[in-house]
Amino acid sequence: MRRAKRELRSRMRDDRAAIPEAARFQMASAAEERLLALPEVRNAGTVMAFSSFGSEISTKDIIARLLEIGRRVLLPYVDGRDLEAAEVTLEEPPRASGGGPAEPRRRTPVPPEAIDVVIVPGLAFDRSGFRLGYGGGHYDRFLRRLPDRSLRVGLAFHSQVVERVPRAPGDERLHLVVTDRETIDCRPVDS
């Protein structure tokens, strides 16, 4: 399992890094429009996003637009082994974090129960809602702390959607995966 995940991580990093800049911008804009059109996002009070880094799909405009329309926006930061979320505002935007993704200026954790929607990064996603992260397990542990009502959304380039992500016990499932081409609903269908 570990080897399969390691190999897929390597392949997906390379594939994502190979996307030309102009195409990356267009695809990020398309995914942004899809994400912000979701009723759950439009009607959310509190949205936890992530600060894109490296070749990840850009979230800069998503964060700005959410703040402009009056949503409470949280960004993650790592505290020991745990992922926490703290608020960013137009007055206190995220700050660079020494070579990693930007983080909230103030590290005052917001309880997971306050989060309506969480937007999750990853290297690969499948149509069942499983994701391949970067290997630290931070998001899986954080997602377990969310209330059932919190919508879990993966954000990615369409090329990051694979047939099946290798799964291990403790891997958490997402409700939706939003890409530049489609919104994949991974929630079980009620019978």
Protein backbone atom coordinates (compact mmCIF):
# COMPACT_ATOMS: atom_id res chain seq x y z
CA MET A 1 0.00 0.00 0.00
CA ARG A 2 2.72 2.49 0.98
CA ARG A 3 4.64 1.76 -2.18
CA ALA A 4 1.55 2.22 -4.38
CA LYS A 5 0.83 5.56 -2.70
CA ARG A 6 4.45 6.68 -3.02
CA GLU A 7 4.55 5.83 -6.74
CA LEU A 8 1.22 7.56 -7.43
CA ARG A 9 2.37 10.65 -5.49
CA SER A 10 5.51 10.88 -7.58
CA ARG A 11 3.64 10.45 -10.87
CA MET A 12 0.93 12.95 -9.96
CA ARG A 13 3.46 15.57 -8.81
CA ASP A 14 5.28 15.26 -12.13
CA ASP A 15 2.06 15.37 -14.16
CA ARG A 16 0.75 18.39 -12.31
CA ALA A 17 4.06 20.25 -12.61
CA ALA A 18 4.01 19.66 -16.38
CA ILE A 19 0.80 21.66 -16.90
CA PRO A 20 1.74 24.85 -18.80
CA GLU A 21 1.21 28.12 -16.91
CA ALA A 22 -1.45 29.50 -19.29
CA ALA A 23 -3.45 26.27 -19.13
CA ARG A 24 -3.03 26.15 -15.34
CA PHE A 25 -4.55 29.65 -15.06
CA GLN A 26 -7.52 28.81 -17.30
CA MET A 27 -8.21 25.54 -15.51
CA ALA A 28 -7.97 27.16 -12.08
CA SER A 29 -10.47 29.83 -13.19
CA ALA A 30 -12.91 27.19 -14.43
CA ALA A 31 -12.63 25.18 -11.19
CA GLU A 32 -13.06 28.39 -9.16
CA GLU A 33 -16.33 29.19 -10.97
CA ARG A 34 -17.63 25.65 -10.38
CA LEU A 35 -16.69 25.75 -6.72
CA LEU A 36 -18.20 29.18 -6.04
CA ALA A 37 -21.41 28.20 -7.87
CA LEU A 38 -22.10 25.40 -5.37
CA PRO A 39 -25.10 26.35 -3.21
CA GLU A 40 -23.35 24.91 -0.14
CA VAL A 41 -20.41 27.26 -0.70
CA ARG A 42 -22.56 30.29 -1.61
CA ASN A 43 -24.66 29.79 1.54
CA ALA A 44 -21.85 28.83 3.90
CA GLY A 45 -21.03 31.01 6.87
CA THR A 46 -17.53 29.61 7.41
CA VAL A 47 -15.32 28.09 4.71
CA MET A 48 -11.93 26.52 5.34
CA ALA A 49 -9.81 26.80 2.20
CA PHE A 50 -6.12 26.11 1.66
CA SER A 51 -3.32 28.32 0.39
CA SER A 52 -2.15 26.78 -2.84
CA PHE A 53 1.54 26.09 -3.11
CA GLY A 54 3.83 25.07 -5.95
CA SER A 55 1.92 23.40 -8.77
CA GLU A 56 -1.36 23.06 -6.83
CA ILE A 57 -4.49 24.52 -8.37
CA SER A 58 -4.56 28.18 -7.36
CA THR A 59 -6.83 29.19 -4.49
CA LYS A 60 -5.75 32.84 -4.24
CA ASP A 61 -8.78 34.19 -6.13
CA ILE A 62 -11.16 31.79 -4.37
CA ILE A 63 -10.03 33.08 -0.98
CA ALA A 64 -10.30 36.70 -2.14
CA ARG A 65 -13.78 36.22 -3.58
CA LEU A 66 -15.05 34.43 -0.48
CA LEU A 67 -13.78 37.30 1.68
CA GLU A 68 -15.31 39.88 -0.67
CA ILE A 69 -18.77 38.30 -0.37
CA GLY A 70 -18.54 38.28 3.40
CA ARG A 71 -17.74 34.67 4.16
CA ARG A 72 -15.64 33.81 7.17
CA VAL A 73 -12.52 32.22 5.66
CA LEU A 74 -10.17 29.92 7.53
CA LEU A 75 -6.80 28.58 6.44
CA PRO A 76 -4.96 25.61 7.88
CA TYR A 77 -1.73 25.56 9.80
CA VAL A 78 0.15 22.67 11.36
CA ASP A 79 0.48 22.60 15.13
CA GLY A 80 2.68 19.64 16.05
CA ARG A 81 1.03 16.66 14.35
CA ASP A 82 -2.36 18.33 14.08
CA LEU A 83 -3.91 20.52 11.45
CA GLU A 84 -5.77 23.51 12.85
CA ALA A 85 -7.72 26.29 11.14
CA ALA A 86 -7.59 30.02 11.85
CA GLU A 87 -9.33 33.00 10.33
CA VAL A 88 -7.93 35.28 7.64
CA THR A 89 -9.50 38.60 6.68
CA LEU A 90 -9.05 41.31 4.08
CA GLU A 91 -7.26 43.31 6.78
CA GLU A 92 -5.14 40.34 7.88
CA PRO A 93 -4.45 38.25 4.78
CA PRO A 94 -2.36 35.08 4.90
CA ARG A 95 1.41 35.43 5.27
CA ALA A 96 4.25 33.46 3.73
CA SER A 97 5.43 30.63 5.95
CA GLY A 98 9.09 29.99 5.25
CA GLY A 99 8.95 28.01 2.03
CA GLY A 100 5.53 26.43 2.50
CA PRO A 101 1.99 27.54 1.81
CA ALA A 102 0.81 30.86 3.26
CA GLU A 103 -0.74 30.63 6.72
CA PRO A 104 -3.04 32.71 8.89
CA ARG A 105 -1.27 35.60 10.64
CA ARG A 106 -3.00 34.80 13.92
CA ARG A 107 -2.99 31.20 15.06
CA THR A 108 -6.18 31.27 17.05
CA PRO A 109 -7.78 27.91 16.24
CA VAL A 110 -11.41 27.86 15.19
CA PRO A 111 -13.24 24.72 16.36
CA PRO A 112 -14.08 22.25 13.57
CA GLU A 113 -17.76 22.43 14.58
CA ALA A 114 -17.85 25.99 13.20
CA ILE A 115 -16.85 24.93 9.68
CA ASP A 116 -19.58 24.61 7.05
CA VAL A 117 -17.35 23.74 4.08
CA VAL A 118 -13.75 22.56 3.93
CA ILE A 119 -11.83 22.75 0.64
CA VAL A 120 -9.11 20.11 0.57
CA PRO A 121 -5.94 19.85 -1.53
CA GLY A 122 -4.40 16.64 -2.78
CA LEU A 123 -2.30 14.98 -5.43
CA ALA A 124 -4.96 12.56 -6.72
CA PHE A 125 -8.69 12.01 -6.23
CA ASP A 126 -11.09 9.29 -7.29
CA ARG A 127 -14.82 9.28 -8.01
CA SER A 128 -15.55 7.58 -4.69
CA GLY A 129 -14.24 10.62 -2.81
CA PHE A 130 -10.90 9.26 -1.72
CA ARG A 131 -7.81 11.42 -2.06
CA LEU A 132 -4.10 10.98 -2.03
CA GLY A 133 -2.49 13.69 0.05
CA TYR A 134 1.13 14.40 0.72
CA GLY A 135 1.65 11.59 3.21
CA GLY A 136 1.44 13.30 6.60
CA GLY A 137 -2.16 12.33 7.38
CA HIS A 138 -2.91 15.87 8.57
CA TYR A 139 -6.10 16.32 6.55
CA ASP A 140 -7.43 12.84 7.33
CA ARG A 141 -7.05 13.50 11.06
CA PHE A 142 -8.65 16.93 10.67
CA LEU A 143 -11.58 15.65 8.59
CA ARG A 144 -12.39 13.11 11.33
CA ARG A 145 -12.95 16.03 13.72
CA LEU A 146 -15.56 17.73 11.51
CA PRO A 147 -19.27 17.43 12.21
CA ASP A 148 -21.28 15.35 9.73
CA ARG A 149 -22.94 18.48 8.33
CA SER A 150 -19.61 19.94 7.12
CA LEU A 151 -19.19 19.58 3.35
CA ARG A 152 -15.80 18.16 2.34
CA VAL A 153 -14.70 19.30 -1.12
CA GLY A 154 -11.57 18.29 -3.01
CA LEU A 155 -10.26 20.90 -5.47
CA ALA A 156 -8.07 19.76 -8.34
CA PHE A 157 -7.20 19.82 -12.00
CA HIS A 158 -9.21 17.25 -13.95
CA SER A 159 -5.99 15.37 -14.72
CA GLN A 160 -5.68 14.60 -10.99
CA VAL A 161 -8.78 12.40 -11.06
CA VAL A 162 -7.70 8.76 -11.25
CA GLU A 163 -9.59 5.49 -11.45
CA ARG A 164 -8.80 4.48 -7.88
CA VAL A 165 -6.72 6.04 -5.13
CA PRO A 166 -4.94 3.42 -2.98
CA ARG A 167 -6.79 3.33 0.34
CA ALA A 168 -5.71 2.52 3.85
CA PRO A 169 -7.60 2.43 7.14
CA GLY A 170 -8.02 5.99 8.35
CA ASP A 171 -8.25 7.54 4.89
CA GLU A 172 -11.20 9.93 4.95
CA ARG A 173 -13.70 10.35 2.16
CA LEU A 174 -14.77 13.63 0.53
CA HIS A 175 -18.31 14.54 -0.50
CA LEU A 176 -17.41 16.34 -3.73
CA VAL A 177 -14.42 16.75 -6.03
CA VAL A 178 -14.45 19.95 -8.07
CA THR A 179 -12.24 20.18 -11.14
CA ASP A 180 -11.96 22.49 -14.12
CA ARG A 181 -14.27 20.15 -16.09
CA GLU A 182 -16.78 18.75 -13.63
CA THR A 183 -18.12 18.47 -10.13
CA ILE A 184 -18.03 14.86 -8.95
CA ASP A 185 -20.60 14.03 -6.29
CA CYS A 186 -19.15 11.25 -4.13
CA ARG A 187 -21.92 11.15 -1.54
CA PRO A 188 -23.76 7.85 -1.22
CA VAL A 189 -27.15 7.78 -2.91
CA ASP A 190 -29.95 7.28 -0.39
CA SER A 191 -31.99 4.17 -1.11
